[in-house]
Amino acid sequence: MHDAMVAYVRAHDGVSSAVLAREILKFKNPDEKLAHAAILAILSKDRRCSFGSDNLWHASALAVPQQGGYTLAETPWAAAYLLALPNNPKAAVYASVWSVAEAPQLLAGRWLEDPSALPFEEQELLRSVRDAPFEDEPRERKAGVLTAACEKRRPVFLSWRQQSAFGLLAQEAGAFLDDSAVLVSTMFVCAKLPLPRPLTLDACHKVLFGTSPQLTYAYKHGECFAKCVQELVRLLTEQGLGDIAHLEAQERTDLAGVDFSGKEFSYDDIAAAPAAPGVYGFKAKNDAYLYIGKASNLRRRLMSYFRDSEESPEKLSRLRAESHKLVTHECGSELEGLIYEYRLIRKHAPLLNTQLAIAERKGAFLPLDDCIVLLPHAEKEKGMSFWFRKNQKILLRPFFSDFRDVPAMETELDKFFFSGALPPSPDDFPEQEIATRWVKQRKDELCIVWVSRSSSAPEVCEMIRAYWKDCSNNF
């Protein structure tokens, strides 16, 4: 809803709060003062819009998209960095997320391991009064704080390995990072700078600033990385790569030189993948799945596996070498992709998938009351609905936008919501957890039909029709 409001301001520059309240918030005959208060609460801190002396909302000049993306200088970058022990590079002990903006600013920093348990020499190296104190709280909570700091920002990671590790942290918190992340190696290549080898924080700083950084403690590691990202954004902007679209176009050019010989898919297949949510799978020659994943942008995610990088983590190297077939399925929403990804991984048990086994995870989550969430379908003439039966099941149910299947829908609604308890299944808890956490993070932006407030299937069906008419225009 927030982004829809910004898009409306861009398309109709010079818009009153009353118009935004009517068109986006669906207020009927809105009072001007009430409408302005509501819109101001949403847009007041959004630099993409400003309220002018003419009492109208305007798009910020710096935030006007170029070729479909925000200017690099205006993109809300988040530099995410994990610090590992010198004697164990796979063991992350500290993680931080920094805003780049005009000057690096710490958004979140957490010790993932108790630093007092480290050898004394390493404590001396990593600890400082500026580091966040160690908090005796569940690791999932720490991971949640870090993940939340990346929301509505475009994260940058030093390496593919760090991106993967941060993704696992997000899973521990029951959250999911989208695939909008950018690797520092991509920024170096697009800026036509020599790629540091090995790609370390120290090497990046030397290429960009000509000196070695003073990495005296954990806080300084994250701050140094944020400064490197900030400098790369500045250099890219100076070279005319003014927005994300330019950056991705340059990345596609670099990818065209990758050798896909011996595979049943090519660069053209990846470039032709839709820039839309979906699930994908890499298969070996024996047709067994090597890896299954989801993406909010299939094309961008698939390109990330083959872009230029100094890295050769075992998983990435095997995927590049052993993948023979590529299977993709476009989805209408990220939620649909998340659920299908879980189902496919559970069914096929791909060799290279290392994500947390949600079915085995302990803990609880607060369930949603009986409701239906309406989201787009990949096919334009359809919609997708997600049915939540509290503490029991969820159901994915596509429907035609003209509601030609109302009788069948009413029968299914009655059986799912109004006909006693539903038979349990081993998949019920993990699917409910995945979907419920996703919905709760976006609750204010979604179109939700509360079945718990209804008494019959026909009544719910009419509510779905009415809600779909109002919200489908915003998809």
Foldseek 3Di string as FASTA:
>chain_A
DLVLLLVVCAVVPFAALVVSCCQPVVDDPDDRVVSVVVVCVRCVPPQQWDQDPVRTIHGHPQQDDDPPFHFLLNAFEKEKEFDDDPVDRLDTQKIWIWTQHPATDTQAIAGLDQLVPDPPVVCQQADDPPHDHHDPDDLLVNLVSRVVSCPSHAYEYQDPSVVVVNQQSQVSVLHGDALSHHYVQLLCVLLVFDQFVVRDLQSLCCRQPVHGDDRRHNVVSRSSSSVSVNSSSVSNVVVPCTGVVSSVVVQLVQLQPDDPPQAPDHSVNLQPAAQAWWKKFFAFPVRATQDIDIHRGSSSVVSVLRTDHPDDDPLSVCSSVGGRDMDMDGFQGNLVRVLVRLVVCVVRVHNSDDHDPLLPDDDDDQADDFKKWWTQGPDNQKTWIWTDHTPAAIDIDIAGLVRPPVVVQQVVCCVPHPDDGDDHDSCGVSSRSSNRVVCVVCVVPTQMGRCVVDDGSVVSSVVVNVSCVSCVVSD
